[in-house]
């Protein structure tokens, strides 16, 4: 599956458009990670536990979006965007969305 934030793909042409596809996940903070994050916030620096959790969340959302696109018969997703929203105390939703299309190599 080709995934791009662009509206088109160089060397390809869109032969069919399936519409909007999306994937999401909601994650809660972990008490152990919160303790480490609290310590890190005192001394400064990257909170690697949260960085890893958010990266895993984005990958899970992308996987879900890809499955939805594949089920429609798409082989690419264009105009991909991410959104993150606060849901409730200690939780966040990660959403990824784009346009599912079928592309072919441009013979020109």
N, C-alpha and C. Protein backbone atom coordinates (compact mmCIF):
# COMPACT_ATOMS: atom_id res chain seq x y z
N UNK A 1 0.85 -1.18 0.00
CA UNK A 1 0.00 0.00 0.00
C UNK A 1 0.90 1.24 0.00
N UNK A 2 0.67 2.12 -0.95
CA UNK A 2 1.39 3.39 -1.00
C UNK A 2 0.62 4.39 -0.14
N UNK A 3 1.33 5.05 0.76
CA UNK A 3 0.71 6.07 1.61
C UNK A 3 1.48 7.36 1.43
N UNK A 4 0.75 8.43 1.10
CA UNK A 4 1.41 9.71 0.83
C UNK A 4 0.56 10.88 1.32
N UNK A 5 1.24 11.91 1.77
CA UNK A 5 0.53 13.14 2.15
C UNK A 5 0.26 14.02 0.93
N UNK A 6 0.80 13.63 -0.21
CA UNK A 6 0.59 14.40 -1.45
C UNK A 6 -0.78 14.10 -2.05
N UNK A 7 -1.18 14.98 -2.97
CA UNK A 7 -2.47 14.80 -3.67
C UNK A 7 -2.36 13.86 -4.86
N UNK A 8 -1.14 13.61 -5.31
CA UNK A 8 -0.91 12.73 -6.45
C UNK A 8 0.42 12.01 -6.25
N UNK A 9 0.72 11.07 -7.13
CA UNK A 9 1.98 10.33 -7.06
C UNK A 9 2.72 10.47 -8.38
N UNK A 10 3.94 10.90 -8.32
CA UNK A 10 4.75 11.00 -9.53
C UNK A 10 4.87 9.64 -10.18
N UNK A 11 4.68 9.60 -11.48
CA UNK A 11 4.82 8.35 -12.22
C UNK A 11 3.61 7.43 -12.13
N UNK A 12 2.54 7.89 -11.53
CA UNK A 12 1.31 7.09 -11.39
C UNK A 12 0.11 7.93 -11.80
N UNK A 13 -0.93 7.24 -12.18
CA UNK A 13 -2.19 7.94 -12.43
C UNK A 13 -3.28 7.26 -11.63
N UNK A 14 -4.22 8.05 -11.15
CA UNK A 14 -5.34 7.52 -10.39
C UNK A 14 -6.36 6.95 -11.36
N UNK A 15 -6.71 5.68 -11.17
CA UNK A 15 -7.69 5.04 -12.06
C UNK A 15 -9.04 4.85 -11.37
N UNK A 16 -9.05 4.90 -10.04
CA UNK A 16 -10.31 4.79 -9.31
C UNK A 16 -10.15 5.42 -7.94
N UNK A 17 -11.19 6.12 -7.51
CA UNK A 17 -11.19 6.75 -6.19
C UNK A 17 -12.29 6.11 -5.35
N UNK A 18 -11.94 5.74 -4.12
CA UNK A 18 -12.89 5.07 -3.23
C UNK A 18 -13.41 5.97 -2.12
N UNK A 19 -12.76 7.10 -1.91
CA UNK A 19 -13.22 8.03 -0.88
C UNK A 19 -12.41 7.96 0.40
N UNK A 20 -12.96 8.57 1.42
CA UNK A 20 -12.29 8.72 2.71
C UNK A 20 -12.12 7.38 3.43
N UNK A 21 -10.92 7.17 3.93
CA UNK A 21 -10.64 6.04 4.82
C UNK A 21 -9.96 6.60 6.07
N UNK A 22 -10.12 5.90 7.17
CA UNK A 22 -9.54 6.40 8.41
C UNK A 22 -9.20 5.25 9.34
N UNK A 23 -8.34 5.58 10.27
CA UNK A 23 -7.99 4.66 11.34
C UNK A 23 -7.79 5.47 12.60
N UNK A 24 -8.12 4.88 13.73
CA UNK A 24 -7.93 5.62 14.98
C UNK A 24 -7.64 4.67 16.12
N UNK A 25 -7.11 5.23 17.19
CA UNK A 25 -6.90 4.51 18.43
C UNK A 25 -6.97 5.51 19.56
N UNK A 26 -7.39 5.05 20.71
CA UNK A 26 -7.41 5.89 21.91
C UNK A 26 -6.49 5.23 22.92
N UNK A 27 -5.56 6.00 23.43
CA UNK A 27 -4.59 5.47 24.37
C UNK A 27 -4.66 6.23 25.69
N UNK A 28 -4.45 5.48 26.76
CA UNK A 28 -4.40 6.07 28.10
C UNK A 28 -2.96 6.04 28.61
N UNK A 29 -2.65 7.02 29.41
CA UNK A 29 -1.32 7.03 30.03
C UNK A 29 -1.23 5.88 31.01
N UNK A 30 -0.01 5.52 31.34
CA UNK A 30 0.28 4.41 32.24
C UNK A 30 0.92 4.97 33.50
N UNK A 31 0.47 4.52 34.67
CA UNK A 31 0.96 5.05 35.93
C UNK A 31 2.49 5.01 36.02
N UNK A 32 3.09 3.89 35.63
CA UNK A 32 4.55 3.77 35.67
C UNK A 32 5.21 4.80 34.78
N UNK A 33 4.64 4.99 33.61
CA UNK A 33 5.19 6.00 32.69
C UNK A 33 5.00 7.40 33.26
N UNK A 34 3.87 7.63 33.94
CA UNK A 34 3.61 8.95 34.53
C UNK A 34 4.65 9.30 35.58
N UNK A 35 5.04 8.31 36.38
CA UNK A 35 6.06 8.56 37.40
C UNK A 35 7.37 8.95 36.75
N UNK A 36 7.78 8.18 35.73
CA UNK A 36 9.02 8.51 35.01
C UNK A 36 8.92 9.86 34.32
N UNK A 37 7.75 10.15 33.74
CA UNK A 37 7.55 11.43 33.06
C UNK A 37 7.64 12.58 34.05
N UNK A 38 7.09 12.38 35.24
CA UNK A 38 7.16 13.41 36.27
C UNK A 38 8.59 13.71 36.67
N UNK A 39 9.39 12.67 36.80
CA UNK A 39 10.80 12.87 37.12
C UNK A 39 11.51 13.57 35.98
N UNK A 40 11.21 13.17 34.75
CA UNK A 40 11.85 13.77 33.57
C UNK A 40 11.47 15.24 33.44
N UNK A 41 10.23 15.59 33.81
CA UNK A 41 9.80 16.98 33.68
C UNK A 41 10.56 17.88 34.66
N UNK A 42 11.04 17.31 35.75
CA UNK A 42 11.82 18.09 36.71
C UNK A 42 13.21 18.40 36.16
N UNK A 43 13.83 17.40 35.54
CA UNK A 43 15.20 17.58 35.05
C UNK A 43 15.26 17.99 33.58
N UNK A 44 14.16 17.86 32.87
CA UNK A 44 14.11 18.25 31.46
C UNK A 44 14.50 17.11 30.54
N UNK A 45 14.19 17.28 29.27
CA UNK A 45 14.53 16.29 28.26
C UNK A 45 13.31 15.58 27.71
N UNK A 46 13.57 14.76 26.72
CA UNK A 46 12.50 14.01 26.06
C UNK A 46 11.95 12.93 26.98
N UNK A 47 10.64 12.77 26.96
CA UNK A 47 10.00 11.71 27.73
C UNK A 47 9.82 10.54 26.77
N UNK A 48 10.82 9.69 26.72
CA UNK A 48 10.89 8.63 25.71
C UNK A 48 9.74 7.64 25.82
N UNK A 49 9.24 7.42 27.02
CA UNK A 49 8.13 6.48 27.19
C UNK A 49 6.90 6.97 26.43
N UNK A 50 6.62 8.26 26.50
CA UNK A 50 5.47 8.83 25.79
C UNK A 50 5.73 8.91 24.29
N UNK A 51 6.96 9.21 23.92
CA UNK A 51 7.31 9.25 22.50
C UNK A 51 7.06 7.89 21.87
N UNK A 52 7.49 6.83 22.56
CA UNK A 52 7.28 5.47 22.06
C UNK A 52 5.80 5.13 22.00
N UNK A 53 5.04 5.49 23.05
CA UNK A 53 3.61 5.20 23.07
C UNK A 53 2.89 5.89 21.92
N UNK A 54 3.23 7.14 21.65
CA UNK A 54 2.57 7.87 20.57
C UNK A 54 2.95 7.29 19.21
N UNK A 55 4.21 6.90 19.04
CA UNK A 55 4.64 6.28 17.78
C UNK A 55 3.88 4.98 17.53
N UNK A 56 3.73 4.16 18.58
CA UNK A 56 2.98 2.91 18.45
C UNK A 56 1.51 3.20 18.12
N UNK A 57 0.96 4.24 18.71
CA UNK A 57 -0.43 4.61 18.45
C UNK A 57 -0.62 5.04 17.00
N UNK A 58 0.31 5.84 16.48
CA UNK A 58 0.23 6.26 15.08
C UNK A 58 0.30 5.07 14.15
N UNK A 59 1.19 4.12 14.43
CA UNK A 59 1.33 2.93 13.59
C UNK A 59 0.05 2.10 13.62
N UNK A 60 -0.56 1.96 14.78
CA UNK A 60 -1.80 1.20 14.88
C UNK A 60 -2.91 1.88 14.08
N UNK A 61 -3.00 3.20 14.16
CA UNK A 61 -4.01 3.94 13.40
C UNK A 61 -3.78 3.78 11.90
N UNK A 62 -2.51 3.84 11.47
CA UNK A 62 -2.18 3.66 10.05
C UNK A 62 -2.58 2.26 9.59
N UNK A 63 -2.27 1.24 10.39
CA UNK A 63 -2.63 -0.14 10.04
C UNK A 63 -4.13 -0.27 9.84
N UNK A 64 -4.90 0.36 10.71
CA UNK A 64 -6.37 0.28 10.59
C UNK A 64 -6.86 1.00 9.34
N UNK A 65 -6.25 2.14 9.01
CA UNK A 65 -6.62 2.87 7.80
C UNK A 65 -6.27 2.04 6.57
N UNK A 66 -5.10 1.43 6.57
CA UNK A 66 -4.67 0.58 5.45
C UNK A 66 -5.64 -0.57 5.22
N UNK A 67 -6.06 -1.22 6.29
CA UNK A 67 -7.01 -2.34 6.17
C UNK A 67 -8.31 -1.88 5.54
N UNK A 68 -8.80 -0.72 5.97
CA UNK A 68 -10.05 -0.20 5.42
C UNK A 68 -9.88 0.07 3.92
N UNK A 69 -8.76 0.66 3.53
CA UNK A 69 -8.51 0.94 2.12
C UNK A 69 -8.38 -0.34 1.30
N UNK A 70 -7.65 -1.32 1.83
CA UNK A 70 -7.48 -2.59 1.13
C UNK A 70 -8.82 -3.31 0.94
N UNK A 71 -9.68 -3.23 1.95
CA UNK A 71 -11.00 -3.86 1.85
C UNK A 71 -11.83 -3.25 0.72
N UNK A 72 -11.55 -1.99 0.39
CA UNK A 72 -12.26 -1.32 -0.70
C UNK A 72 -11.65 -1.62 -2.07
N UNK A 73 -10.44 -2.19 -2.08
CA UNK A 73 -9.76 -2.48 -3.34
C UNK A 73 -8.70 -1.46 -3.71
N UNK A 74 -8.36 -0.57 -2.79
CA UNK A 74 -7.36 0.46 -3.05
C UNK A 74 -5.95 -0.10 -2.94
N UNK A 75 -5.02 0.53 -3.64
CA UNK A 75 -3.61 0.18 -3.49
C UNK A 75 -2.77 1.39 -3.07
N UNK A 76 -3.46 2.51 -2.78
CA UNK A 76 -2.77 3.73 -2.32
C UNK A 76 -3.74 4.58 -1.50
N UNK A 77 -3.17 5.39 -0.62
CA UNK A 77 -3.94 6.36 0.14
C UNK A 77 -3.22 7.69 0.01
N UNK A 78 -3.93 8.68 -0.50
CA UNK A 78 -3.36 10.00 -0.74
C UNK A 78 -3.93 11.02 0.24
N UNK A 79 -3.29 12.18 0.30
CA UNK A 79 -3.74 13.30 1.15
C UNK A 79 -3.83 12.89 2.61
N UNK A 80 -2.91 12.08 3.08
CA UNK A 80 -2.96 11.54 4.44
C UNK A 80 -2.64 12.63 5.46
N UNK A 81 -3.46 12.68 6.51
CA UNK A 81 -3.31 13.65 7.58
C UNK A 81 -3.50 12.96 8.93
N UNK A 82 -2.87 13.50 9.96
CA UNK A 82 -3.03 13.02 11.33
C UNK A 82 -3.72 14.07 12.16
N UNK A 83 -4.46 13.61 13.15
CA UNK A 83 -5.08 14.50 14.12
C UNK A 83 -5.01 13.82 15.48
N UNK A 84 -4.75 14.61 16.50
CA UNK A 84 -4.73 14.10 17.87
C UNK A 84 -5.66 14.94 18.70
N UNK A 85 -6.46 14.29 19.52
CA UNK A 85 -7.42 15.02 20.35
C UNK A 85 -7.43 14.45 21.77
N UNK A 86 -7.57 15.33 22.72
CA UNK A 86 -7.74 14.95 24.11
C UNK A 86 -9.15 14.38 24.27
N UNK A 87 -9.28 13.24 24.92
CA UNK A 87 -10.59 12.61 25.10
C UNK A 87 -11.10 12.84 26.52
N UNK A 88 -10.30 12.43 27.49
CA UNK A 88 -10.62 12.63 28.90
C UNK A 88 -9.33 12.50 29.68
N UNK A 89 -9.38 12.69 30.97
CA UNK A 89 -8.17 12.66 31.79
C UNK A 89 -7.20 11.56 31.44
N UNK A 90 -6.06 11.92 30.91
CA UNK A 90 -5.01 10.96 30.63
C UNK A 90 -5.16 10.14 29.37
N UNK A 91 -6.14 10.47 28.51
CA UNK A 91 -6.30 9.72 27.26
C UNK A 91 -6.28 10.65 26.06
N UNK A 92 -5.85 10.10 24.96
CA UNK A 92 -5.81 10.86 23.71
C UNK A 92 -6.21 9.95 22.56
N UNK A 93 -6.87 10.54 21.56
CA UNK A 93 -7.23 9.81 20.35
C UNK A 93 -6.30 10.25 19.24
N UNK A 94 -5.77 9.28 18.52
CA UNK A 94 -4.96 9.54 17.34
C UNK A 94 -5.77 9.08 16.15
N UNK A 95 -6.00 9.98 15.19
CA UNK A 95 -6.76 9.67 13.99
C UNK A 95 -5.87 9.95 12.79
N UNK A 96 -5.90 9.04 11.83
CA UNK A 96 -5.23 9.26 10.55
C UNK A 96 -6.29 9.04 9.47
N UNK A 97 -6.27 9.89 8.45
CA UNK A 97 -7.28 9.78 7.40
C UNK A 97 -6.69 10.21 6.07
N UNK A 98 -7.30 9.73 4.99
CA UNK A 98 -6.86 10.07 3.65
C UNK A 98 -7.86 9.57 2.63
N UNK A 99 -7.50 9.70 1.37
CA UNK A 99 -8.36 9.29 0.27
C UNK A 99 -7.82 7.99 -0.33
N UNK A 100 -8.64 6.96 -0.30
CA UNK A 100 -8.26 5.66 -0.85
C UNK A 100 -8.44 5.69 -2.37
N UNK A 101 -7.40 5.25 -3.08
CA UNK A 101 -7.44 5.24 -4.54
C UNK A 101 -6.76 3.97 -5.06
N UNK A 102 -7.03 3.69 -6.33
CA UNK A 102 -6.26 2.66 -7.04
C UNK A 102 -5.45 3.40 -8.08
N UNK A 103 -4.14 3.16 -8.06
CA UNK A 103 -3.25 3.83 -9.02
C UNK A 103 -2.58 2.79 -9.90
N UNK A 104 -2.16 3.26 -11.05
CA UNK A 104 -1.37 2.43 -11.98
C UNK A 104 -0.16 3.24 -12.40
N UNK A 105 0.92 2.52 -12.74
CA UNK A 105 2.11 3.19 -13.25
C UNK A 105 1.74 3.94 -14.52
N UNK A 106 2.23 5.15 -14.63
CA UNK A 106 1.99 5.96 -15.82
C UNK A 106 2.98 5.52 -16.90
N UNK A 107 2.44 5.09 -18.04
CA UNK A 107 3.29 4.56 -19.11
C UNK A 107 3.96 5.67 -19.93
N UNK A 108 3.55 6.91 -19.74
CA UNK A 108 4.10 8.01 -20.56
C UNK A 108 5.50 8.37 -20.18
